[in-house]
Amino acid sequence: MYTSASQQLVQGLEMTRKMLELLKAGEWEQVSVLGAERLKLLQQWVHTTDPSLAQQQIGVLQEIQKLDEEIESLGHQGREEMAQHLRQLHQGRKAGKAYKS
């Protein structure tokens, strides 16, 4: 059975997986909320866990890091797509104003 610290880390991993799932579904706000909760949980884990236990959980930590990299990459792509849509919207508005003039 997991210790309390191990349960926290596993919960952090589950939250990370859920964040990735939400991001892929375009649920940006939910990703942000869950990310803040996960950050608090993992910070608590870091501050309360014995370093020897952390070493035993290296596989879980590496999986969280791998998923974080994927989340960061998808988040960056999403921001770029959003910026492109906003540029197109702005250009459309400029064209509409010019047409009305």
C-alpha atoms as a PDB file:
ATOM      1  CA  MET A   1       0.000   0.000   0.000  1.00  0.00           C
ATOM      2  CA  TYR A   2       1.177   3.531  -0.782  1.00  0.00           C
ATOM      3  CA  THR A   3       2.270   5.914   1.912  1.00  0.00           C
ATOM      4  CA  SER A   4       0.565   9.276   2.101  1.00  0.00           C
ATOM      5  CA  ALA A   5       3.428  10.916   0.177  1.00  0.00           C
ATOM      6  CA  SER A   6       3.272   8.233  -2.503  1.00  0.00           C
ATOM      7  CA  GLN A   7      -0.488   8.713  -2.791  1.00  0.00           C
ATOM      8  CA  GLN A   8       0.064  12.446  -3.312  1.00  0.00           C
ATOM      9  CA  LEU A   9       2.504  11.787  -6.111  1.00  0.00           C
ATOM     10  CA  VAL A  10       0.219   9.251  -7.788  1.00  0.00           C
ATOM     11  CA  GLN A  11      -2.631  11.757  -7.492  1.00  0.00           C
ATOM     12  CA  GLY A  12      -0.359  14.341  -9.131  1.00  0.00           C
ATOM     13  CA  LEU A  13       0.285  11.923 -11.984  1.00  0.00           C
ATOM     14  CA  GLU A  14      -3.442  11.286 -12.421  1.00  0.00           C
ATOM     15  CA  MET A  15      -4.087  15.031 -12.453  1.00  0.00           C
ATOM     16  CA  THR A  16      -1.368  15.480 -15.090  1.00  0.00           C
ATOM     17  CA  ARG A  17      -2.961  12.814 -17.272  1.00  0.00           C
ATOM     18  CA  LYS A  18      -6.346  14.517 -16.894  1.00  0.00           C
ATOM     19  CA  MET A  19      -4.808  17.885 -17.829  1.00  0.00           C
ATOM     20  CA  LEU A  20      -3.450  16.391 -21.050  1.00  0.00           C
ATOM     21  CA  GLU A  21      -6.838  14.854 -21.836  1.00  0.00           C
ATOM     22  CA  LEU A  22      -8.596  18.181 -21.215  1.00  0.00           C
ATOM     23  CA  LEU A  23      -6.061  20.079 -23.296  1.00  0.00           C
ATOM     24  CA  LYS A  24      -6.596  17.731 -26.231  1.00  0.00           C
ATOM     25  CA  ALA A  25     -10.346  18.376 -25.874  1.00  0.00           C
ATOM     26  CA  GLY A  26      -9.764  22.144 -25.954  1.00  0.00           C
ATOM     27  CA  GLU A  27     -10.867  22.661 -22.353  1.00  0.00           C
ATOM     28  CA  TRP A  28      -8.320  25.400 -21.621  1.00  0.00           C
ATOM     29  CA  GLU A  29     -10.020  26.835 -18.539  1.00  0.00           C
ATOM     30  CA  GLN A  30     -10.347  23.437 -16.880  1.00  0.00           C
ATOM     31  CA  VAL A  31      -6.676  22.730 -17.618  1.00  0.00           C
ATOM     32  CA  SER A  32      -5.761  25.961 -15.882  1.00  0.00           C
ATOM     33  CA  VAL A  33      -7.857  25.199 -12.794  1.00  0.00           C
ATOM     34  CA  LEU A  34      -6.594  21.629 -12.531  1.00  0.00           C
ATOM     35  CA  GLY A  35      -3.028  22.787 -13.128  1.00  0.00           C
ATOM     36  CA  ALA A  36      -3.236  25.164 -10.166  1.00  0.00           C
ATOM     37  CA  GLU A  37      -4.573  22.378  -7.928  1.00  0.00           C
ATOM     38  CA  ARG A  38      -1.865  20.022  -9.125  1.00  0.00           C
ATOM     39  CA  LEU A  39       0.826  22.620  -8.495  1.00  0.00           C
ATOM     40  CA  LYS A  40      -0.273  22.993  -4.868  1.00  0.00           C
ATOM     41  CA  LEU A  41      -0.346  19.223  -4.402  1.00  0.00           C
ATOM     42  CA  LEU A  42       3.108  18.688  -5.914  1.00  0.00           C
ATOM     43  CA  GLN A  43       4.612  21.605  -3.998  1.00  0.00           C
ATOM     44  CA  GLN A  44       3.283  20.093  -0.790  1.00  0.00           C
ATOM     45  CA  TRP A  45       4.754  16.738  -1.816  1.00  0.00           C
ATOM     46  CA  VAL A  46       8.164  18.304  -2.484  1.00  0.00           C
ATOM     47  CA  HIS A  47       8.219  20.071   0.883  1.00  0.00           C
ATOM     48  CA  THR A  48       7.069  17.102   2.958  1.00  0.00           C
ATOM     49  CA  THR A  49       8.626  14.066   1.300  1.00  0.00           C
ATOM     50  CA  ASP A  50      11.786  12.425   2.516  1.00  0.00           C
ATOM     51  CA  PRO A  51      14.434  12.510  -0.254  1.00  0.00           C
ATOM     52  CA  SER A  52      14.878   8.733  -0.075  1.00  0.00           C
ATOM     53  CA  LEU A  53      11.185   8.259  -0.875  1.00  0.00           C
ATOM     54  CA  ALA A  54      11.497  10.689  -3.765  1.00  0.00           C
ATOM     55  CA  GLN A  55      14.317   8.546  -5.174  1.00  0.00           C
ATOM     56  CA  GLN A  56      12.060   5.475  -4.944  1.00  0.00           C
ATOM     57  CA  GLN A  57       9.369   7.306  -6.926  1.00  0.00           C
ATOM     58  CA  ILE A  58      11.656   8.439  -9.762  1.00  0.00           C
ATOM     59  CA  GLY A  59       9.597   6.563 -12.372  1.00  0.00           C
ATOM     60  CA  VAL A  60       6.429   8.442 -11.427  1.00  0.00           C
ATOM     61  CA  LEU A  61       8.316  11.736 -11.433  1.00  0.00           C
ATOM     62  CA  GLN A  62       9.727  11.001 -14.887  1.00  0.00           C
ATOM     63  CA  GLU A  63       6.264  10.191 -16.225  1.00  0.00           C
ATOM     64  CA  ILE A  64       4.898  13.463 -14.843  1.00  0.00           C
ATOM     65  CA  GLN A  65       7.787  15.312 -16.487  1.00  0.00           C
ATOM     66  CA  LYS A  66       7.184  13.566 -19.836  1.00  0.00           C
ATOM     67  CA  LEU A  67       3.482  14.439 -19.752  1.00  0.00           C
ATOM     68  CA  ASP A  68       4.309  18.021 -18.756  1.00  0.00           C
ATOM     69  CA  GLU A  69       6.502  18.335 -21.835  1.00  0.00           C
ATOM     70  CA  GLU A  70       3.622  17.135 -24.020  1.00  0.00           C
ATOM     71  CA  ILE A  71       1.217  19.539 -22.287  1.00  0.00           C
ATOM     72  CA  GLU A  72       3.639  22.403 -22.828  1.00  0.00           C
ATOM     73  CA  SER A  73       4.041  21.549 -26.496  1.00  0.00           C
ATOM     74  CA  LEU A  74       0.288  21.263 -27.101  1.00  0.00           C
ATOM     75  CA  GLY A  75      -0.315  24.450 -25.139  1.00  0.00           C
ATOM     76  CA  HIS A  76       2.198  26.320 -27.281  1.00  0.00           C
ATOM     77  CA  GLN A  77       0.578  25.021 -30.473  1.00  0.00           C
ATOM     78  CA  GLY A  78      -2.841  26.040 -29.181  1.00  0.00           C
ATOM     79  CA  ARG A  79      -1.656  29.551 -28.355  1.00  0.00           C
ATOM     80  CA  GLU A  80      -0.195  29.891 -31.844  1.00  0.00           C
ATOM     81  CA  GLU A  81      -3.468  28.768 -33.423  1.00  0.00           C
ATOM     82  CA  MET A  82      -5.432  31.180 -31.248  1.00  0.00           C
ATOM     83  CA  ALA A  83      -3.101  34.041 -32.179  1.00  0.00           C
ATOM     84  CA  GLN A  84      -3.558  33.223 -35.869  1.00  0.00           C
ATOM     85  CA  HIS A  85      -7.354  33.254 -35.488  1.00  0.00           C
ATOM     86  CA  LEU A  86      -7.191  36.611 -33.717  1.00  0.00           C
ATOM     87  CA  ARG A  87      -5.008  38.043 -36.507  1.00  0.00           C
ATOM     88  CA  GLN A  88      -7.526  36.838 -39.091  1.00  0.00           C
ATOM     89  CA  LEU A  89     -10.386  38.324 -37.108  1.00  0.00           C
ATOM     90  CA  HIS A  90      -8.563  41.640 -36.842  1.00  0.00           C
ATOM     91  CA  GLN A  91      -7.840  41.665 -40.582  1.00  0.00           C
ATOM     92  CA  GLY A  92     -11.501  40.891 -41.284  1.00  0.00           C
ATOM     93  CA  ARG A  93     -12.613  43.801 -39.137  1.00  0.00           C
ATOM     94  CA  LYS A  94     -10.167  46.147 -40.856  1.00  0.00           C
ATOM     95  CA  ALA A  95     -11.461  45.017 -44.226  1.00  0.00           C
ATOM     96  CA  GLY A  96     -15.066  45.535 -43.053  1.00  0.00           C
ATOM     97  CA  LYS A  97     -14.280  49.065 -41.886  1.00  0.00           C
ATOM     98  CA  ALA A  98     -12.519  49.879 -45.150  1.00  0.00           C
ATOM     99  CA  TYR A  99     -15.514  48.564 -47.117  1.00  0.00           C
ATOM    100  CA  LYS A 100     -17.916  50.751 -45.115  1.00  0.00           C
ATOM    101  CA  SER A 101     -15.821  53.862 -45.756  1.00  0.00           C
END
